[in-house]
Amino acid sequence: MDMQGQGGTCRHMHHKWMPLLVVLFGLTFLLGDWNVFTQSQVSVIWPILVILGGLAKMKHCHCCGNGERE
């Protein structure tokens, strides 16, 4: 079953996690600068986002060539 969309990219939702985590990472620091989050909250949130990103990258993708790009 071919799961490739236009331009050869996979259409599965789990491929959108990494860009979402990057946006959340940036928003964490931006909201910290705007004093929406305290410095201690930012100090807890950003490592969690990095860990989640690492775990997402470690997941073996079976839908588009086992994680390998052609």
PDB file of N, CA and C in Angstrom:
ATOM      1  N   MET A   1       0.850  -1.188   0.000  1.00  0.00           N
ATOM      2  CA  MET A   1       0.000   0.000   0.000  1.00  0.00           C
ATOM      3  C   MET A   1       0.889   1.242   0.000  1.00  0.00           C
ATOM      4  N   ASP A   2       0.683   2.120  -0.942  1.00  0.00           N
ATOM      5  CA  ASP A   2       1.491   3.327  -1.083  1.00  0.00           C
ATOM      6  C   ASP A   2       0.914   4.436  -0.220  1.00  0.00           C
ATOM      7  N   MET A   3       1.703   4.903   0.734  1.00  0.00           N
ATOM      8  CA  MET A   3       1.255   5.958   1.642  1.00  0.00           C
ATOM      9  C   MET A   3       1.872   7.306   1.297  1.00  0.00           C
ATOM     10  N   GLN A   4       2.441   7.412   0.117  1.00  0.00           N
ATOM     11  CA  GLN A   4       3.093   8.651  -0.269  1.00  0.00           C
ATOM     12  C   GLN A   4       2.062   9.636  -0.817  1.00  0.00           C
ATOM     13  N   GLY A   5       2.167  10.872  -0.403  1.00  0.00           N
ATOM     14  CA  GLY A   5       1.306  11.934  -0.908  1.00  0.00           C
ATOM     15  C   GLY A   5       2.003  12.656  -2.046  1.00  0.00           C
ATOM     16  N   GLN A   6       1.568  13.834  -2.355  1.00  0.00           N
ATOM     17  CA  GLN A   6       2.212  14.627  -3.391  1.00  0.00           C
ATOM     18  C   GLN A   6       3.624  14.976  -2.976  1.00  0.00           C
ATOM     19  N   GLY A   7       4.545  14.937  -3.914  1.00  0.00           N
ATOM     20  CA  GLY A   7       5.922  15.289  -3.634  1.00  0.00           C
ATOM     21  C   GLY A   7       6.688  14.198  -2.908  1.00  0.00           C
ATOM     22  N   GLY A   8       6.118  12.984  -2.819  1.00  0.00           N
ATOM     23  CA  GLY A   8       6.797  11.867  -2.199  1.00  0.00           C
ATOM     24  C   GLY A   8       6.843  11.913  -0.686  1.00  0.00           C
ATOM     25  N   THR A   9       6.016  12.736  -0.062  1.00  0.00           N
ATOM     26  CA  THR A   9       6.008  12.799   1.404  1.00  0.00           C
ATOM     27  C   THR A   9       4.883  11.924   1.941  1.00  0.00           C
ATOM     28  N   CYS A  10       5.107  11.360   3.093  1.00  0.00           N
ATOM     29  CA  CYS A  10       4.128  10.488   3.722  1.00  0.00           C
ATOM     30  C   CYS A  10       2.980  11.327   4.281  1.00  0.00           C
ATOM     31  N   ARG A  11       1.785  10.800   4.182  1.00  0.00           N
ATOM     32  CA  ARG A  11       0.596  11.526   4.648  1.00  0.00           C
ATOM     33  C   ARG A  11       0.185  11.156   6.065  1.00  0.00           C
ATOM     34  N   HIS A  12       0.926  10.307   6.744  1.00  0.00           N
ATOM     35  CA  HIS A  12       0.545   9.894   8.089  1.00  0.00           C
ATOM     36  C   HIS A  12       0.750  11.023   9.095  1.00  0.00           C
ATOM     37  N   MET A  13      -0.135  11.079  10.076  1.00  0.00           N
ATOM     38  CA  MET A  13      -0.130  12.146  11.075  1.00  0.00           C
ATOM     39  C   MET A  13       1.127  12.148  11.929  1.00  0.00           C
ATOM     40  N   HIS A  14       1.728  10.976  12.180  1.00  0.00           N
ATOM     41  CA  HIS A  14       2.875  10.941  13.084  1.00  0.00           C
ATOM     42  C   HIS A  14       4.086  11.668  12.517  1.00  0.00           C
ATOM     43  N   HIS A  15       4.092  11.979  11.234  1.00  0.00           N
ATOM     44  CA  HIS A  15       5.198  12.736  10.649  1.00  0.00           C
ATOM     45  C   HIS A  15       5.082  14.234  10.936  1.00  0.00           C
ATOM     46  N   LYS A  16       4.001  14.656  11.504  1.00  0.00           N
ATOM     47  CA  LYS A  16       3.804  16.069  11.831  1.00  0.00           C
ATOM     48  C   LYS A  16       4.235  16.387  13.265  1.00  0.00           C
ATOM     49  N   TRP A  17       4.619  15.378  14.049  1.00  0.00           N
ATOM     50  CA  TRP A  17       5.010  15.606  15.437  1.00  0.00           C
ATOM     51  C   TRP A  17       6.266  16.448  15.569  1.00  0.00           C
ATOM     52  N   MET A  18       7.274  16.168  14.762  1.00  0.00           N
ATOM     53  CA  MET A  18       8.540  16.889  14.907  1.00  0.00           C
ATOM     54  C   MET A  18       8.368  18.386  14.605  1.00  0.00           C
ATOM     55  N   PRO A  19       7.729  18.766  13.493  1.00  0.00           N
ATOM     56  CA  PRO A  19       7.512  20.207  13.283  1.00  0.00           C
ATOM     57  C   PRO A  19       6.681  20.846  14.391  1.00  0.00           C
ATOM     58  N   LEU A  20       5.700  20.121  14.902  1.00  0.00           N
ATOM     59  CA  LEU A  20       4.880  20.644  15.994  1.00  0.00           C
ATOM     60  C   LEU A  20       5.727  20.870  17.248  1.00  0.00           C
ATOM     61  N   LEU A  21       6.626  19.939  17.549  1.00  0.00           N
ATOM     62  CA  LEU A  21       7.494  20.098  18.715  1.00  0.00           C
ATOM     63  C   LEU A  21       8.448  21.276  18.550  1.00  0.00           C
ATOM     64  N   VAL A  22       8.927  21.519  17.330  1.00  0.00           N
ATOM     65  CA  VAL A  22       9.805  22.666  17.080  1.00  0.00           C
ATOM     66  C   VAL A  22       9.049  23.971  17.329  1.00  0.00           C
ATOM     67  N   VAL A  23       7.803  24.030  16.861  1.00  0.00           N
ATOM     68  CA  VAL A  23       6.983  25.222  17.092  1.00  0.00           C
ATOM     69  C   VAL A  23       6.730  25.413  18.588  1.00  0.00           C
ATOM     70  N   LEU A  24       6.397  24.344  19.287  1.00  0.00           N
ATOM     71  CA  LEU A  24       6.164  24.445  20.731  1.00  0.00           C
ATOM     72  C   LEU A  24       7.430  24.854  21.482  1.00  0.00           C
ATOM     73  N   PHE A  25       8.579  24.370  21.018  1.00  0.00           N
ATOM     74  CA  PHE A  25       9.859  24.738  21.608  1.00  0.00           C
ATOM     75  C   PHE A  25      10.069  26.249  21.490  1.00  0.00           C
ATOM     76  N   GLY A  26       9.853  26.789  20.296  1.00  0.00           N
ATOM     77  CA  GLY A  26       9.996  28.227  20.092  1.00  0.00           C
ATOM     78  C   GLY A  26       8.988  29.029  20.893  1.00  0.00           C
ATOM     79  N   LEU A  27       7.746  28.554  20.921  1.00  0.00           N
ATOM     80  CA  LEU A  27       6.708  29.259  21.683  1.00  0.00           C
ATOM     81  C   LEU A  27       7.007  29.265  23.179  1.00  0.00           C
ATOM     82  N   THR A  28       7.619  28.198  23.662  1.00  0.00           N
ATOM     83  CA  THR A  28       7.976  28.142  25.084  1.00  0.00           C
ATOM     84  C   THR A  28       8.889  29.304  25.451  1.00  0.00           C
ATOM     85  N   PHE A  29       9.929  29.512  24.643  1.00  0.00           N
ATOM     86  CA  PHE A  29      10.862  30.599  24.942  1.00  0.00           C
ATOM     87  C   PHE A  29      10.242  31.968  24.674  1.00  0.00           C
ATOM     88  N   LEU A  30       9.432  32.072  23.649  1.00  0.00           N
ATOM     89  CA  LEU A  30       8.773  33.347  23.363  1.00  0.00           C
ATOM     90  C   LEU A  30       7.824  33.730  24.495  1.00  0.00           C
ATOM     91  N   LEU A  31       7.018  32.791  24.931  1.00  0.00           N
ATOM     92  CA  LEU A  31       6.086  33.080  26.027  1.00  0.00           C
ATOM     93  C   LEU A  31       6.826  33.330  27.333  1.00  0.00           C
ATOM     94  N   GLY A  32       7.986  32.717  27.490  1.00  0.00           N
ATOM     95  CA  GLY A  32       8.815  33.021  28.655  1.00  0.00           C
ATOM     96  C   GLY A  32       9.329  34.451  28.606  1.00  0.00           C
ATOM     97  N   ASP A  33       9.737  34.902  27.407  1.00  0.00           N
ATOM     98  CA  ASP A  33      10.191  36.287  27.257  1.00  0.00           C
ATOM     99  C   ASP A  33       9.067  37.286  27.476  1.00  0.00           C
ATOM    100  N   TRP A  34       7.853  36.891  27.152  1.00  0.00           N
ATOM    101  CA  TRP A  34       6.698  37.771  27.342  1.00  0.00           C
ATOM    102  C   TRP A  34       6.103  37.633  28.744  1.00  0.00           C
ATOM    103  N   ASN A  35       6.761  36.898  29.611  1.00  0.00           N
ATOM    104  CA  ASN A  35       6.329  36.682  31.000  1.00  0.00           C
ATOM    105  C   ASN A  35       4.979  35.984  31.130  1.00  0.00           C
ATOM    106  N   VAL A  36       4.616  35.204  30.108  1.00  0.00           N
ATOM    107  CA  VAL A  36       3.432  34.350  30.225  1.00  0.00           C
ATOM    108  C   VAL A  36       3.804  33.118  31.044  1.00  0.00           C
ATOM    109  N   PHE A  37       5.011  32.586  30.781  1.00  0.00           N
ATOM    110  CA  PHE A  37       5.589  31.504  31.583  1.00  0.00           C
ATOM    111  C   PHE A  37       6.682  32.097  32.450  1.00  0.00           C
ATOM    112  N   THR A  38       6.839  31.551  33.637  1.00  0.00           N
ATOM    113  CA  THR A  38       7.961  31.962  34.480  1.00  0.00           C
ATOM    114  C   THR A  38       9.224  31.268  33.975  1.00  0.00           C
ATOM    115  N   GLN A  39      10.376  31.765  34.417  1.00  0.00           N
ATOM    116  CA  GLN A  39      11.641  31.153  34.018  1.00  0.00           C
ATOM    117  C   GLN A  39      11.718  29.703  34.492  1.00  0.00           C
ATOM    118  N   SER A  40      11.178  29.417  35.655  1.00  0.00           N
ATOM    119  CA  SER A  40      11.205  28.034  36.155  1.00  0.00           C
ATOM    120  C   SER A  40      10.310  27.121  35.313  1.00  0.00           C
ATOM    121  N   GLN A  41       9.184  27.638  34.817  1.00  0.00           N
ATOM    122  CA  GLN A  41       8.325  26.842  33.939  1.00  0.00           C
ATOM    123  C   GLN A  41       9.029  26.556  32.615  1.00  0.00           C
ATOM    124  N   VAL A  42       9.682  27.570  32.045  1.00  0.00           N
ATOM    125  CA  VAL A  42      10.424  27.391  30.799  1.00  0.00           C
ATOM    126  C   VAL A  42      11.535  26.365  31.004  1.00  0.00           C
ATOM    127  N   SER A  43      12.193  26.411  32.167  1.00  0.00           N
ATOM    128  CA  SER A  43      13.282  25.486  32.476  1.00  0.00           C
ATOM    129  C   SER A  43      12.809  24.041  32.572  1.00  0.00           C
ATOM    130  N   VAL A  44      11.529  23.831  32.814  1.00  0.00           N
ATOM    131  CA  VAL A  44      10.970  22.483  32.871  1.00  0.00           C
ATOM    132  C   VAL A  44      10.412  22.066  31.503  1.00  0.00           C
ATOM    133  N   ILE A  45       9.780  22.997  30.806  1.00  0.00           N
ATOM    134  CA  ILE A  45       9.095  22.664  29.551  1.00  0.00           C
ATOM    135  C   ILE A  45      10.061  22.316  28.426  1.00  0.00           C
ATOM    136  N   TRP A  46      11.131  23.119  28.226  1.00  0.00           N
ATOM    137  CA  TRP A  46      11.960  22.883  27.044  1.00  0.00           C
ATOM    138  C   TRP A  46      12.668  21.538  27.051  1.00  0.00           C
ATOM    139  N   PRO A  47      13.177  21.046  28.193  1.00  0.00           N
ATOM    140  CA  PRO A  47      13.786  19.712  28.129  1.00  0.00           C
ATOM    141  C   PRO A  47      12.769  18.604  27.822  1.00  0.00           C
ATOM    142  N   ILE A  48      11.556  18.776  28.301  1.00  0.00           N
ATOM    143  CA  ILE A  48      10.513  17.797  27.997  1.00  0.00           C
ATOM    144  C   ILE A  48      10.251  17.743  26.498  1.00  0.00           C
ATOM    145  N   LEU A  49      10.191  18.909  25.850  1.00  0.00           N
ATOM    146  CA  LEU A  49       9.968  18.949  24.404  1.00  0.00           C
ATOM    147  C   LEU A  49      11.133  18.319  23.641  1.00  0.00           C
ATOM    148  N   VAL A  50      12.347  18.544  24.106  1.00  0.00           N
ATOM    149  CA  VAL A  50      13.520  17.930  23.453  1.00  0.00           C
ATOM    150  C   VAL A  50      13.467  16.412  23.605  1.00  0.00           C
ATOM    151  N   ILE A  51      13.105  15.933  24.786  1.00  0.00           N
ATOM    152  CA  ILE A  51      12.998  14.486  25.013  1.00  0.00           C
ATOM    153  C   ILE A  51      11.910  13.887  24.122  1.00  0.00           C
ATOM    154  N   LEU A  52      10.771  14.543  24.045  1.00  0.00           N
ATOM    155  CA  LEU A  52       9.700  14.048  23.177  1.00  0.00           C
ATOM    156  C   LEU A  52      10.143  14.003  21.716  1.00  0.00           C
ATOM    157  N   GLY A  53      10.884  15.020  21.281  1.00  0.00           N
ATOM    158  CA  GLY A  53      11.398  15.029  19.914  1.00  0.00           C
ATOM    159  C   GLY A  53      12.358  13.877  19.671  1.00  0.00           C
ATOM    160  N   GLY A  54      13.222  13.597  20.634  1.00  0.00           N
ATOM    161  CA  GLY A  54      14.147  12.480  20.506  1.00  0.00           C
ATOM    162  C   GLY A  54      13.424  11.148  20.452  1.00  0.00           C
ATOM    163  N   LEU A  55      12.421  10.996  21.289  1.00  0.00           N
ATOM    164  CA  LEU A  55      11.638   9.761  21.274  1.00  0.00           C
ATOM    165  C   LEU A  55      10.886   9.594  19.959  1.00  0.00           C
ATOM    166  N   ALA A  56      10.378  10.699  19.425  1.00  0.00           N
ATOM    167  CA  ALA A  56       9.669  10.634  18.150  1.00  0.00           C
ATOM    168  C   ALA A  56      10.613  10.230  17.024  1.00  0.00           C
ATOM    169  N   LYS A  57      11.856  10.716  17.053  1.00  0.00           N
ATOM    170  CA  LYS A  57      12.822  10.355  16.016  1.00  0.00           C
ATOM    171  C   LYS A  57      13.280   8.910  16.142  1.00  0.00           C
ATOM    172  N   MET A  58      13.259   8.371  17.353  1.00  0.00           N
ATOM    173  CA  MET A  58      13.691   6.993  17.560  1.00  0.00           C
ATOM    174  C   MET A  58      12.666   5.983  17.060  1.00  0.00           C
ATOM    175  N   LYS A  59      11.424   6.399  16.952  1.00  0.00           N
ATOM    176  CA  LYS A  59      10.373   5.493  16.505  1.00  0.00           C
ATOM    177  C   LYS A  59      10.657   5.050  15.081  1.00  0.00           C
ATOM    178  N   HIS A  60      10.615   3.762  14.874  1.00  0.00           N
ATOM    179  CA  HIS A  60      10.885   3.186  13.566  1.00  0.00           C
ATOM    180  C   HIS A  60       9.632   3.325  12.698  1.00  0.00           C
ATOM    181  N   CYS A  61       9.752   3.963  11.564  1.00  0.00           N
ATOM    182  CA  CYS A  61       8.614   4.223  10.687  1.00  0.00           C
ATOM    183  C   CYS A  61       8.448   3.092   9.682  1.00  0.00           C
ATOM    184  N   HIS A  62       7.319   2.409   9.741  1.00  0.00           N
ATOM    185  CA  HIS A  62       7.062   1.309   8.825  1.00  0.00           C
ATOM    186  C   HIS A  62       6.218   1.732   7.630  1.00  0.00           C
ATOM    187  N   CYS A  63       5.722   2.941   7.624  1.00  0.00           N
ATOM    188  CA  CYS A  63       4.801   3.345   6.561  1.00  0.00           C
ATOM    189  C   CYS A  63       5.523   3.924   5.352  1.00  0.00           C
ATOM    190  N   CYS A  64       6.763   4.318   5.503  1.00  0.00           N
ATOM    191  CA  CYS A  64       7.443   4.949   4.359  1.00  0.00           C
ATOM    192  C   CYS A  64       8.900   4.487   4.271  1.00  0.00           C
ATOM    193  N   GLY A  65       9.085   3.206   4.120  1.00  0.00           N
ATOM    194  CA  GLY A  65      10.422   2.677   3.914  1.00  0.00           C
ATOM    195  C   GLY A  65      11.224   2.497   5.176  1.00  0.00           C
ATOM    196  N   ASN A  66      10.568   2.168   6.304  1.00  0.00           N
ATOM    197  CA  ASN A  66      11.269   1.910   7.560  1.00  0.00           C
ATOM    198  C   ASN A  66      12.137   3.060   8.021  1.00  0.00           C
ATOM    199  N   GLY A  67      11.698   4.283   7.750  1.00  0.00           N
ATOM    200  CA  GLY A  67      12.415   5.442   8.231  1.00  0.00           C
ATOM    201  C   GLY A  67      13.528   5.904   7.316  1.00  0.00           C
ATOM    202  N   GLU A  68      13.774   5.196   6.241  1.00  0.00           N
ATOM    203  CA  GLU A  68      14.839   5.586   5.316  1.00  0.00           C
ATOM    204  C   GLU A  68      14.248   6.392   4.174  1.00  0.00           C
ATOM    205  N   ARG A  69      14.961   7.423   3.790  1.00  0.00           N
ATOM    206  CA  ARG A  69      14.530   8.235   2.659  1.00  0.00           C
ATOM    207  C   ARG A  69      15.161   7.685   1.392  1.00  0.00           C
ATOM    208  N   GLU A  70      14.385   7.718   0.315  1.00  0.00           N
ATOM    209  CA  GLU A  70      14.922   7.224  -0.963  1.00  0.00           C
ATOM    210  C   GLU A  70      15.447   8.355  -1.783  1.00  0.00           C
TER     211      GLU A  70
END
